[in-house]
C-alpha atoms as a PDB file:
ATOM      1  CA  UNK A   1      87.277  56.169  -4.492  1.00  0.00           C
ATOM      2  CA  UNK A   2      86.300  59.577  -2.503  1.00  0.00           C
ATOM      3  CA  UNK A   3      89.370  61.755  -0.844  1.00  0.00           C
ATOM      4  CA  UNK A   4      87.909  63.576   2.056  1.00  0.00           C
ATOM      5  CA  UNK A   5      87.869  67.942   1.421  1.00  0.00           C
ATOM      6  CA  UNK A   6      91.458  68.700   3.082  1.00  0.00           C
ATOM      7  CA  UNK A   7      93.328  65.672   2.417  1.00  0.00           C
ATOM      8  CA  UNK A   8      96.639  65.472   0.545  1.00  0.00           C
ATOM      9  CA  UNK A   9      97.121  63.704  -2.731  1.00  0.00           C
ATOM     10  CA  UNK A  10      98.073  60.219  -3.379  1.00  0.00           C
ATOM     11  CA  UNK A  11     100.832  58.569  -3.275  1.00  0.00           C
ATOM     12  CA  UNK A  12     101.206  58.162   0.436  1.00  0.00           C
ATOM     13  CA  UNK A  13     103.855  56.917   2.521  1.00  0.00           C
ATOM     14  CA  UNK A  14     103.067  54.686   5.436  1.00  0.00           C
ATOM     15  CA  UNK A  15     106.380  53.641   8.236  1.00  0.00           C
ATOM     16  CA  UNK A  16     106.811  49.943   9.081  1.00  0.00           C
ATOM     17  CA  UNK A  17     106.000  50.128  12.475  1.00  0.00           C
ATOM     18  CA  UNK A  18     106.457  47.522  15.616  1.00  0.00           C
ATOM     19  CA  UNK A  19     103.988  44.595  15.615  1.00  0.00           C
ATOM     20  CA  UNK A  20     102.502  43.073  18.745  1.00  0.00           C
ATOM     21  CA  UNK A  21     105.096  42.028  21.101  1.00  0.00           C
ATOM     22  CA  UNK A  22     107.306  38.867  19.772  1.00  0.00           C
ATOM     23  CA  UNK A  23     110.356  37.639  20.962  1.00  0.00           C
ATOM     24  CA  UNK A  24     112.077  39.870  18.308  1.00  0.00           C
ATOM     25  CA  UNK A  25     111.402  42.973  16.853  1.00  0.00           C
ATOM     26  CA  UNK A  26     108.926  42.792  14.063  1.00  0.00           C
ATOM     27  CA  UNK A  27     108.420  45.587  11.797  1.00  0.00           C
ATOM     28  CA  UNK A  28     105.107  45.611   9.359  1.00  0.00           C
ATOM     29  CA  UNK A  29     103.689  47.679   7.014  1.00  0.00           C
ATOM     30  CA  UNK A  30     100.563  49.498   9.290  1.00  0.00           C
ATOM     31  CA  UNK A  31      97.573  51.580   8.200  1.00  0.00           C
ATOM     32  CA  UNK A  32      95.462  53.316  10.315  1.00  0.00           C
ATOM     33  CA  UNK A  33      91.625  52.082   9.063  1.00  0.00           C
ATOM     34  CA  UNK A  34      87.957  52.552  10.198  1.00  0.00           C
ATOM     35  CA  UNK A  35      85.434  50.308   8.738  1.00  0.00           C
ATOM     36  CA  UNK A  36      81.631  52.318   7.451  1.00  0.00           C
ATOM     37  CA  UNK A  37      78.654  49.589   8.046  1.00  0.00           C
ATOM     38  CA  UNK A  38      75.407  51.630   9.804  1.00  0.00           C
ATOM     39  CA  UNK A  39      77.823  53.747  12.445  1.00  0.00           C
ATOM     40  CA  UNK A  40      81.790  54.153  11.489  1.00  0.00           C
ATOM     41  CA  UNK A  41      83.962  52.351  13.651  1.00  0.00           C
ATOM     42  CA  UNK A  42      87.218  52.991  16.286  1.00  0.00           C
ATOM     43  CA  UNK A  43      90.231  53.665  14.179  1.00  0.00           C
ATOM     44  CA  UNK A  44      92.407  50.473  14.540  1.00  0.00           C
ATOM     45  CA  UNK A  45      95.886  49.867  12.702  1.00  0.00           C
ATOM     46  CA  UNK A  46      95.486  47.175  10.343  1.00  0.00           C
ATOM     47  CA  UNK A  47      98.205  44.872   8.568  1.00  0.00           C
ATOM     48  CA  UNK A  48      98.658  45.332   4.703  1.00  0.00           C
ATOM     49  CA  UNK A  49      98.493  42.106   2.807  1.00  0.00           C
ATOM     50  CA  UNK A  50      98.847  43.335  -0.205  1.00  0.00           C
ATOM     51  CA  UNK A  51      98.483  39.140  -1.653  1.00  0.00           C
ATOM     52  CA  UNK A  52      95.511  38.962   0.519  1.00  0.00           C
ATOM     53  CA  UNK A  53      92.909  38.172  -1.838  1.00  0.00           C
ATOM     54  CA  UNK A  54      89.982  39.477   1.462  1.00  0.00           C
ATOM     55  CA  UNK A  55      89.611  42.008   4.396  1.00  0.00           C
ATOM     56  CA  UNK A  56      89.507  40.512   6.966  1.00  0.00           C
ATOM     57  CA  UNK A  57      88.283  42.110  10.286  1.00  0.00           C
ATOM     58  CA  UNK A  58      88.016  41.141  13.994  1.00  0.00           C
ATOM     59  CA  UNK A  59      84.541  40.650  15.372  1.00  0.00           C
ATOM     60  CA  UNK A  60      84.488  43.082  17.595  1.00  0.00           C
ATOM     61  CA  UNK A  61      85.736  45.803  15.116  1.00  0.00           C
ATOM     62  CA  UNK A  62      82.928  44.580  12.558  1.00  0.00           C
ATOM     63  CA  UNK A  63      80.018  44.881  15.431  1.00  0.00           C
ATOM     64  CA  UNK A  64      81.513  48.536  16.411  1.00  0.00           C
ATOM     65  CA  UNK A  65      81.063  49.650  13.033  1.00  0.00           C
ATOM     66  CA  UNK A  66      77.054  48.311  13.515  1.00  0.00           C
ATOM     67  CA  UNK A  67      77.876  46.250  10.402  1.00  0.00           C
ATOM     68  CA  UNK A  68      75.135  43.208   9.697  1.00  0.00           C
ATOM     69  CA  UNK A  69      75.774  39.667   9.386  1.00  0.00           C
ATOM     70  CA  UNK A  70      72.676  37.962   9.896  1.00  0.00           C
ATOM     71  CA  UNK A  71      71.929  37.869   6.434  1.00  0.00           C
ATOM     72  CA  UNK A  72      75.996  37.726   4.779  1.00  0.00           C
ATOM     73  CA  UNK A  73      76.674  37.673   1.573  1.00  0.00           C
ATOM     74  CA  UNK A  74      78.171  34.803   1.504  1.00  0.00           C
ATOM     75  CA  UNK A  75      79.621  32.260   3.955  1.00  0.00           C
ATOM     76  CA  UNK A  76      83.472  30.182   3.541  1.00  0.00           C
ATOM     77  CA  UNK A  77      85.801  28.541   5.250  1.00  0.00           C
ATOM     78  CA  UNK A  78      89.337  29.607   4.758  1.00  0.00           C
ATOM     79  CA  UNK A  79      93.016  28.303   5.297  1.00  0.00           C
ATOM     80  CA  UNK A  80      94.607  30.172   7.840  1.00  0.00           C
ATOM     81  CA  UNK A  81      97.551  29.344   9.986  1.00  0.00           C
ATOM     82  CA  UNK A  82      96.915  25.484   9.646  1.00  0.00           C
ATOM     83  CA  UNK A  83      93.423  25.077  10.268  1.00  0.00           C
ATOM     84  CA  UNK A  84      90.142  26.476   8.084  1.00  0.00           C
ATOM     85  CA  UNK A  85      87.853  29.187   9.981  1.00  0.00           C
ATOM     86  CA  UNK A  86      84.181  29.579   8.879  1.00  0.00           C
ATOM     87  CA  UNK A  87      83.634  33.677   7.667  1.00  0.00           C
ATOM     88  CA  UNK A  88      81.094  35.549   6.911  1.00  0.00           C
ATOM     89  CA  UNK A  89      81.137  38.325   4.495  1.00  0.00           C
ATOM     90  CA  UNK A  90      79.343  41.789   4.167  1.00  0.00           C
ATOM     91  CA  UNK A  91      79.188  44.840   1.822  1.00  0.00           C
ATOM     92  CA  UNK A  92      80.571  48.047   4.128  1.00  0.00           C
ATOM     93  CA  UNK A  93      83.053  51.152   2.813  1.00  0.00           C
ATOM     94  CA  UNK A  94      86.504  51.270   4.469  1.00  0.00           C
ATOM     95  CA  UNK A  95      88.377  53.849   4.946  1.00  0.00           C
ATOM     96  CA  UNK A  96      92.431  54.601   5.131  1.00  0.00           C
ATOM     97  CA  UNK A  97      93.330  57.380   7.398  1.00  0.00           C
ATOM     98  CA  UNK A  98      95.873  59.908   5.813  1.00  0.00           C
ATOM     99  CA  UNK A  99      99.601  58.983   7.789  1.00  0.00           C
ATOM    100  CA  UNK A 100     100.045  61.126  10.885  1.00  0.00           C
ATOM    101  CA  UNK A 101      96.886  63.512   9.739  1.00  0.00           C
ATOM    102  CA  UNK A 102      93.882  64.304  11.117  1.00  0.00           C
ATOM    103  CA  UNK A 103      90.802  61.720  11.940  1.00  0.00           C
ATOM    104  CA  UNK A 104      89.133  64.199   8.812  1.00  0.00           C
ATOM    105  CA  UNK A 105      92.036  63.203   6.506  1.00  0.00           C
ATOM    106  CA  UNK A 106      91.117  59.981   4.468  1.00  0.00           C
ATOM    107  CA  UNK A 107      90.244  58.024   1.145  1.00  0.00           C
ATOM    108  CA  UNK A 108      86.846  56.089   1.472  1.00  0.00           C
ATOM    109  CA  UNK A 109      85.487  53.641  -0.616  1.00  0.00           C
ATOM    110  CA  UNK A 110      83.260  50.283  -1.151  1.00  0.00           C
ATOM    111  CA  UNK A 111      85.154  47.198  -0.461  1.00  0.00           C
ATOM    112  CA  UNK A 112      85.066  43.879  -1.492  1.00  0.00           C
ATOM    113  CA  UNK A 113      82.901  41.985   0.699  1.00  0.00           C
ATOM    114  CA  UNK A 114      84.776  42.069   4.135  1.00  0.00           C
ATOM    115  CA  UNK A 115      84.720  39.529   6.428  1.00  0.00           C
ATOM    116  CA  UNK A 116      84.467  38.861  10.193  1.00  0.00           C
ATOM    117  CA  UNK A 117      85.771  35.432  12.213  1.00  0.00           C
END
């Protein structure tokens, strides 16, 4: 893992935030991340799911980072929400932004193969 210069050391604490509009208030552990492929993606809020074996990213975010999916590391179907959509997995870096910090404050690492739906 690479900590950017001027970034406070770990541990970091992230507040739970309101998730997308729901019929009731739902607080979730959301963190600010960026994907790094041949380019760096727009910063987005990501849901932390510590029980997940995969990092799943929206196709538009993967495209924004210019991640090559023509020759993925592997492809598989995953059981999600009662269905089994197909996913392509690729190598990239993941950047976790410091909570409430500047864009220049982050920790970055090589993620296990990451997927776009």
